[in-house]
Amino acid sequence: MRRTSLRDADCPIARSLDEIGDWWTLLIVRDAFRGARRFTEFQKSLGLAKNILAQRLRLLIENGVMELYPAA
């Protein structure tokens, strides 16, 4: 079954869901709001496989939801 795109919806919440996508991605955003900044912080909090976490973070960056900064 194919997911319906909500990219052109009138509702901003629906458009946001189109960018967020799945529940792991939403939990990553939640952790970012709670202060997680490093890959290891996200992985420790979520217990998510590294490849899945990397993929979800990459999509969030590509969609402009998150930004990547060099470590300080």
PDB file of N, CA and C in Angstrom:
ATOM      1  N   MET A   1       0.848  -1.174   0.000  1.00  0.00           N
ATOM      2  CA  MET A   1       0.000   0.000   0.000  1.00  0.00           C
ATOM      3  C   MET A   1       0.893   1.237   0.000  1.00  0.00           C
ATOM      4  N   ARG A   2       0.591   2.157  -0.859  1.00  0.00           N
ATOM      5  CA  ARG A   2       1.366   3.375  -1.018  1.00  0.00           C
ATOM      6  C   ARG A   2       0.805   4.486  -0.136  1.00  0.00           C
ATOM      7  N   ARG A   3       1.708   5.258   0.461  1.00  0.00           N
ATOM      8  CA  ARG A   3       1.296   6.365   1.317  1.00  0.00           C
ATOM      9  C   ARG A   3       0.892   7.566   0.475  1.00  0.00           C
ATOM     10  N   THR A   4      -0.171   8.215   0.842  1.00  0.00           N
ATOM     11  CA  THR A   4      -0.638   9.409   0.143  1.00  0.00           C
ATOM     12  C   THR A   4       0.185  10.611   0.582  1.00  0.00           C
ATOM     13  N   SER A   5       0.653  11.382  -0.379  1.00  0.00           N
ATOM     14  CA  SER A   5       1.426  12.578  -0.062  1.00  0.00           C
ATOM     15  C   SER A   5       0.502  13.700   0.412  1.00  0.00           C
ATOM     16  N   LEU A   6       0.918  14.358   1.471  1.00  0.00           N
ATOM     17  CA  LEU A   6       0.156  15.497   2.007  1.00  0.00           C
ATOM     18  C   LEU A   6       0.895  16.812   1.763  1.00  0.00           C
ATOM     19  N   ARG A   7       1.913  16.775   0.918  1.00  0.00           N
ATOM     20  CA  ARG A   7       2.776  17.935   0.656  1.00  0.00           C
ATOM     21  C   ARG A   7       1.997  19.170   0.222  1.00  0.00           C
ATOM     22  N   ASP A   8       0.928  18.996  -0.556  1.00  0.00           N
ATOM     23  CA  ASP A   8       0.165  20.136  -1.080  1.00  0.00           C
ATOM     24  C   ASP A   8      -1.121  20.416  -0.299  1.00  0.00           C
ATOM     25  N   ALA A   9      -1.279  19.800   0.854  1.00  0.00           N
ATOM     26  CA  ALA A   9      -2.490  19.999   1.655  1.00  0.00           C
ATOM     27  C   ALA A   9      -2.576  21.432   2.179  1.00  0.00           C
ATOM     28  N   ASP A  10      -3.788  21.890   2.402  1.00  0.00           N
ATOM     29  CA  ASP A  10      -3.995  23.227   2.960  1.00  0.00           C
ATOM     30  C   ASP A  10      -3.576  23.304   4.423  1.00  0.00           C
ATOM     31  N   CYS A  11      -3.691  22.215   5.122  1.00  0.00           N
ATOM     32  CA  CYS A  11      -3.432  22.172   6.561  1.00  0.00           C
ATOM     33  C   CYS A  11      -1.928  22.074   6.850  1.00  0.00           C
ATOM     34  N   PRO A  12      -1.372  23.000   7.641  1.00  0.00           N
ATOM     35  CA  PRO A  12       0.057  22.944   7.959  1.00  0.00           C
ATOM     36  C   PRO A  12       0.449  21.706   8.769  1.00  0.00           C
ATOM     37  N   ILE A  13      -0.476  21.186   9.558  1.00  0.00           N
ATOM     38  CA  ILE A  13      -0.176  19.967  10.325  1.00  0.00           C
ATOM     39  C   ILE A  13      -0.035  18.787   9.367  1.00  0.00           C
ATOM     40  N   ALA A  14      -0.916  18.695   8.394  1.00  0.00           N
ATOM     41  CA  ALA A  14      -0.829  17.620   7.400  1.00  0.00           C
ATOM     42  C   ALA A  14       0.468  17.719   6.610  1.00  0.00           C
ATOM     43  N   ARG A  15       0.852  18.930   6.209  1.00  0.00           N
ATOM     44  CA  ARG A  15       2.121  19.104   5.474  1.00  0.00           C
ATOM     45  C   ARG A  15       3.310  18.710   6.346  1.00  0.00           C
ATOM     46  N   SER A  16       3.255  19.029   7.626  1.00  0.00           N
ATOM     47  CA  SER A  16       4.327  18.651   8.548  1.00  0.00           C
ATOM     48  C   SER A  16       4.432  17.144   8.669  1.00  0.00           C
ATOM     49  N   LEU A  17       3.305  16.462   8.742  1.00  0.00           N
ATOM     50  CA  LEU A  17       3.310  15.003   8.819  1.00  0.00           C
ATOM     51  C   LEU A  17       3.930  14.390   7.575  1.00  0.00           C
ATOM     52  N   ASP A  18       3.763  15.036   6.441  1.00  0.00           N
ATOM     53  CA  ASP A  18       4.369  14.540   5.215  1.00  0.00           C
ATOM     54  C   ASP A  18       5.895  14.580   5.312  1.00  0.00           C
ATOM     55  N   GLU A  19       6.437  15.591   5.983  1.00  0.00           N
ATOM     56  CA  GLU A  19       7.882  15.693   6.169  1.00  0.00           C
ATOM     57  C   GLU A  19       8.382  14.745   7.251  1.00  0.00           C
ATOM     58  N   ILE A  20       7.646  14.628   8.342  1.00  0.00           N
ATOM     59  CA  ILE A  20       8.066  13.794   9.470  1.00  0.00           C
ATOM     60  C   ILE A  20       8.001  12.329   9.093  1.00  0.00           C
ATOM     61  N   GLY A  21       6.900  11.890   8.521  1.00  0.00           N
ATOM     62  CA  GLY A  21       6.794  10.550   7.981  1.00  0.00           C
ATOM     63  C   GLY A  21       6.372   9.458   8.941  1.00  0.00           C
ATOM     64  N   ASP A  22       7.246   9.001   9.801  1.00  0.00           N
ATOM     65  CA  ASP A  22       6.936   7.841  10.634  1.00  0.00           C
ATOM     66  C   ASP A  22       7.214   8.155  12.097  1.00  0.00           C
ATOM     67  N   TRP A  23       6.875   7.229  12.952  1.00  0.00           N
ATOM     68  CA  TRP A  23       6.978   7.494  14.389  1.00  0.00           C
ATOM     69  C   TRP A  23       8.416   7.584  14.871  1.00  0.00           C
ATOM     70  N   TRP A  24       9.371   6.861  14.260  1.00  0.00           N
ATOM     71  CA  TRP A  24      10.767   7.019  14.689  1.00  0.00           C
ATOM     72  C   TRP A  24      11.243   8.443  14.436  1.00  0.00           C
ATOM     73  N   THR A  25      10.867   8.987  13.289  1.00  0.00           N
ATOM     74  CA  THR A  25      11.285  10.345  12.949  1.00  0.00           C
ATOM     75  C   THR A  25      10.688  11.348  13.930  1.00  0.00           C
ATOM     76  N   LEU A  26       9.449  11.150  14.294  1.00  0.00           N
ATOM     77  CA  LEU A  26       8.818  12.040  15.269  1.00  0.00           C
ATOM     78  C   LEU A  26       9.524  11.956  16.621  1.00  0.00           C
ATOM     79  N   LEU A  27       9.946  10.760  17.016  1.00  0.00           N
ATOM     80  CA  LEU A  27      10.681  10.613  18.277  1.00  0.00           C
ATOM     81  C   LEU A  27      12.059  11.273  18.206  1.00  0.00           C
ATOM     82  N   ILE A  28      12.681  11.260  17.051  1.00  0.00           N
ATOM     83  CA  ILE A  28      13.964  11.966  16.872  1.00  0.00           C
ATOM     84  C   ILE A  28      13.760  13.466  17.056  1.00  0.00           C
ATOM     85  N   VAL A  29      12.710  14.004  16.459  1.00  0.00           N
ATOM     86  CA  VAL A  29      12.398  15.435  16.613  1.00  0.00           C
ATOM     87  C   VAL A  29      12.122  15.750  18.078  1.00  0.00           C
ATOM     88  N   ARG A  30      11.379  14.873  18.752  1.00  0.00           N
ATOM     89  CA  ARG A  30      11.105  15.063  20.181  1.00  0.00           C
ATOM     90  C   ARG A  30      12.404  15.148  20.972  1.00  0.00           C
ATOM     91  N   ASP A  31      13.320  14.208  20.718  1.00  0.00           N
ATOM     92  CA  ASP A  31      14.597  14.213  21.437  1.00  0.00           C
ATOM     93  C   ASP A  31      15.413  15.464  21.134  1.00  0.00           C
ATOM     94  N   ALA A  32      15.340  15.950  19.908  1.00  0.00           N
ATOM     95  CA  ALA A  32      16.045  17.186  19.550  1.00  0.00           C
ATOM     96  C   ALA A  32      15.492  18.363  20.354  1.00  0.00           C
ATOM     97  N   PHE A  33      14.182  18.427  20.502  1.00  0.00           N
ATOM     98  CA  PHE A  33      13.573  19.489  21.314  1.00  0.00           C
ATOM     99  C   PHE A  33      13.970  19.362  22.778  1.00  0.00           C
ATOM    100  N   ARG A  34      14.246  18.150  23.208  1.00  0.00           N
ATOM    101  CA  ARG A  34      14.671  17.922  24.596  1.00  0.00           C
ATOM    102  C   ARG A  34      16.168  18.131  24.797  1.00  0.00           C
ATOM    103  N   GLY A  35      16.894  18.443  23.716  1.00  0.00           N
ATOM    104  CA  GLY A  35      18.302  18.797  23.858  1.00  0.00           C
ATOM    105  C   GLY A  35      19.306  17.840  23.251  1.00  0.00           C
ATOM    106  N   ALA A  36      18.873  16.734  22.661  1.00  0.00           N
ATOM    107  CA  ALA A  36      19.821  15.808  22.026  1.00  0.00           C
ATOM    108  C   ALA A  36      20.464  16.511  20.827  1.00  0.00           C
ATOM    109  N   ARG A  37      21.775  16.376  20.714  1.00  0.00           N
ATOM    110  CA  ARG A  37      22.501  17.036  19.629  1.00  0.00           C
ATOM    111  C   ARG A  37      23.409  16.085  18.862  1.00  0.00           C
ATOM    112  N   ARG A  38      23.859  15.042  19.501  1.00  0.00           N
ATOM    113  CA  ARG A  38      24.812  14.119  18.881  1.00  0.00           C
ATOM    114  C   ARG A  38      24.125  12.805  18.520  1.00  0.00           C
ATOM    115  N   PHE A  39      24.680  12.175  17.480  1.00  0.00           N
ATOM    116  CA  PHE A  39      24.147  10.902  17.002  1.00  0.00           C
ATOM    117  C   PHE A  39      24.018   9.903  18.141  1.00  0.00           C
ATOM    118  N   THR A  40      25.051   9.805  18.957  1.00  0.00           N
ATOM    119  CA  THR A  40      25.042   8.837  20.061  1.00  0.00           C
ATOM    120  C   THR A  40      23.961   9.138  21.085  1.00  0.00           C
ATOM    121  N   GLU A  41      23.639  10.411  21.278  1.00  0.00           N
ATOM    122  CA  GLU A  41      22.566  10.774  22.207  1.00  0.00           C
ATOM    123  C   GLU A  41      21.216  10.276  21.690  1.00  0.00           C
ATOM    124  N   PHE A  42      20.984  10.451  20.394  1.00  0.00           N
ATOM    125  CA  PHE A  42      19.738   9.967  19.802  1.00  0.00           C
ATOM    126  C   PHE A  42      19.674   8.448  19.888  1.00  0.00           C
ATOM    127  N   GLN A  43      20.779   7.788  19.561  1.00  0.00           N
ATOM    128  CA  GLN A  43      20.760   6.334  19.556  1.00  0.00           C
ATOM    129  C   GLN A  43      20.559   5.765  20.952  1.00  0.00           C
ATOM    130  N   LYS A  44      21.211   6.344  21.936  1.00  0.00           N
ATOM    131  CA  LYS A  44      21.064   5.860  23.307  1.00  0.00           C
ATOM    132  C   LYS A  44      19.628   6.043  23.802  1.00  0.00           C
ATOM    133  N   SER A  45      19.040   7.184  23.503  1.00  0.00           N
ATOM    134  CA  SER A  45      17.682   7.477  23.959  1.00  0.00           C
ATOM    135  C   SER A  45      16.642   6.566  23.293  1.00  0.00           C
ATOM    136  N   LEU A  46      16.814   6.326  21.992  1.00  0.00           N
ATOM    137  CA  LEU A  46      15.790   5.612  21.225  1.00  0.00           C
ATOM    138  C   LEU A  46      16.056   4.122  21.090  1.00  0.00           C
ATOM    139  N   GLY A  47      17.314   3.709  21.224  1.00  0.00           N
ATOM    140  CA  GLY A  47      17.656   2.309  21.014  1.00  0.00           C
ATOM    141  C   GLY A  47      17.441   1.875  19.572  1.00  0.00           C
ATOM    142  N   LEU A  48      17.555   2.799  18.661  1.00  0.00           N
ATOM    143  CA  LEU A  48      17.300   2.581  17.245  1.00  0.00           C
ATOM    144  C   LEU A  48      18.575   2.107  16.550  1.00  0.00           C
ATOM    145  N   ALA A  49      18.455   1.209  15.589  1.00  0.00           N
ATOM    146  CA  ALA A  49      19.613   0.749  14.827  1.00  0.00           C
ATOM    147  C   ALA A  49      20.298   1.935  14.146  1.00  0.00           C
ATOM    148  N   LYS A  50      21.620   1.902  14.085  1.00  0.00           N
ATOM    149  CA  LYS A  50      22.392   3.023  13.542  1.00  0.00           C
ATOM    150  C   LYS A  50      22.009   3.357  12.110  1.00  0.00           C
ATOM    151  N   ASN A  51      21.784   2.337  11.285  1.00  0.00           N
ATOM    152  CA  ASN A  51      21.452   2.609   9.881  1.00  0.00           C
ATOM    153  C   ASN A  51      20.091   3.289   9.745  1.00  0.00           C
ATOM    154  N   ILE A  52      19.121   2.897  10.552  1.00  0.00           N
ATOM    155  CA  ILE A  52      17.795   3.523  10.505  1.00  0.00           C
ATOM    156  C   ILE A  52      17.868   4.948  11.026  1.00  0.00           C
ATOM    157  N   LEU A  53      18.582   5.147  12.132  1.00  0.00           N
ATOM    158  CA  LEU A  53      18.741   6.492  12.693  1.00  0.00           C
ATOM    159  C   LEU A  53      19.430   7.408  11.693  1.00  0.00           C
ATOM    160  N   ALA A  54      20.500   6.936  11.059  1.00  0.00           N
ATOM    161  CA  ALA A  54      21.226   7.748  10.078  1.00  0.00           C
ATOM    162  C   ALA A  54      20.313   8.127   8.911  1.00  0.00           C
ATOM    163  N   GLN A  55      19.510   7.185   8.453  1.00  0.00           N
ATOM    164  CA  GLN A  55      18.591   7.454   7.350  1.00  0.00           C
ATOM    165  C   GLN A  55      17.551   8.498   7.737  1.00  0.00           C
ATOM    166  N   ARG A  56      16.974   8.354   8.919  1.00  0.00           N
ATOM    167  CA  ARG A  56      15.946   9.308   9.360  1.00  0.00           C
ATOM    168  C   ARG A  56      16.547  10.704   9.571  1.00  0.00           C
ATOM    169  N   LEU A  57      17.734  10.778  10.152  1.00  0.00           N
ATOM    170  CA  LEU A  57      18.384  12.083  10.351  1.00  0.00           C
ATOM    171  C   LEU A  57      18.696  12.726   8.998  1.00  0.00           C
ATOM    172  N   ARG A  58      19.164  11.936   8.050  1.00  0.00           N
ATOM    173  CA  ARG A  58      19.474  12.453   6.720  1.00  0.00           C
ATOM    174  C   ARG A  58      18.222  13.041   6.070  1.00  0.00           C
ATOM    175  N   LEU A  59      17.096  12.349   6.187  1.00  0.00           N
ATOM    176  CA  LEU A  59      15.843  12.866   5.619  1.00  0.00           C
ATOM    177  C   LEU A  59      15.397  14.155   6.298  1.00  0.00           C
ATOM    178  N   LEU A  60      15.539  14.223   7.620  1.00  0.00           N
ATOM    179  CA  LEU A  60      15.171  15.441   8.345  1.00  0.00           C
ATOM    180  C   LEU A  60      16.030  16.619   7.900  1.00  0.00           C
ATOM    181  N   ILE A  61      17.296  16.377   7.639  1.00  0.00           N
ATOM    182  CA  ILE A  61      18.192  17.431   7.166  1.00  0.00           C
ATOM    183  C   ILE A  61      17.822  17.834   5.743  1.00  0.00           C
ATOM    184  N   GLU A  62      17.608  16.845   4.864  1.00  0.00           N
ATOM    185  CA  GLU A  62      17.230  17.130   3.472  1.00  0.00           C
ATOM    186  C   GLU A  62      15.923  17.907   3.378  1.00  0.00           C
ATOM    187  N   ASN A  63      14.985  17.635   4.281  1.00  0.00           N
ATOM    188  CA  ASN A  63      13.677  18.311   4.266  1.00  0.00           C
ATOM    189  C   ASN A  63      13.679  19.632   5.022  1.00  0.00           C
ATOM    190  N   GLY A  64      14.828  20.017   5.582  1.00  0.00           N
ATOM    191  CA  GLY A  64      14.924  21.304   6.261  1.00  0.00           C
ATOM    192  C   GLY A  64      14.340  21.326   7.656  1.00  0.00           C
ATOM    193  N   VAL A  65      14.044  20.152   8.207  1.00  0.00           N
ATOM    194  CA  VAL A  65      13.502  20.090   9.568  1.00  0.00           C
ATOM    195  C   VAL A  65      14.620  20.276  10.581  1.00  0.00           C
ATOM    196  N   MET A  66      15.800  19.709  10.278  1.00  0.00           N
ATOM    197  CA  MET A  66      16.975  19.823  11.159  1.00  0.00           C
ATOM    198  C   MET A  66      18.147  20.320  10.327  1.00  0.00           C
ATOM    199  N   GLU A  67      19.166  20.818  11.012  1.00  0.00           N
ATOM    200  CA  GLU A  67      20.391  21.266  10.344  1.00  0.00           C
ATOM    201  C   GLU A  67      21.577  20.538  10.945  1.00  0.00           C
ATOM    202  N   LEU A  68      22.586  20.330  10.119  1.00  0.00           N
ATOM    203  CA  LEU A  68      23.805  19.666  10.555  1.00  0.00           C
ATOM    204  C   LEU A  68      24.889  20.708  10.789  1.00  0.00           C
ATOM    205  N   TYR A  69      25.482  20.671  11.977  1.00  0.00           N
ATOM    206  CA  TYR A  69      26.564  21.588  12.325  1.00  0.00           C
ATOM    207  C   TYR A  69      27.784  20.778  12.731  1.00  0.00           C
ATOM    208  N   PRO A  70      28.985  21.296  12.427  1.00  0.00           N
ATOM    209  CA  PRO A  70      30.194  20.590  12.876  1.00  0.00           C
ATOM    210  C   PRO A  70      30.284  20.598  14.398  1.00  0.00           C
ATOM    211  N   ALA A  71      30.874  19.553  14.940  1.00  0.00           N
ATOM    212  CA  ALA A  71      31.047  19.467  16.404  1.00  0.00           C
ATOM    213  C   ALA A  71      31.929  20.615  16.882  1.00  0.00           C
ATOM    214  N   ALA A  72      31.577  21.151  18.019  1.00  0.00           N
ATOM    215  CA  ALA A  72      32.349  22.279  18.568  1.00  0.00           C
ATOM    216  C   ALA A  72      33.487  21.785  19.417  1.00  0.00           C
TER     217      ALA A  72
END
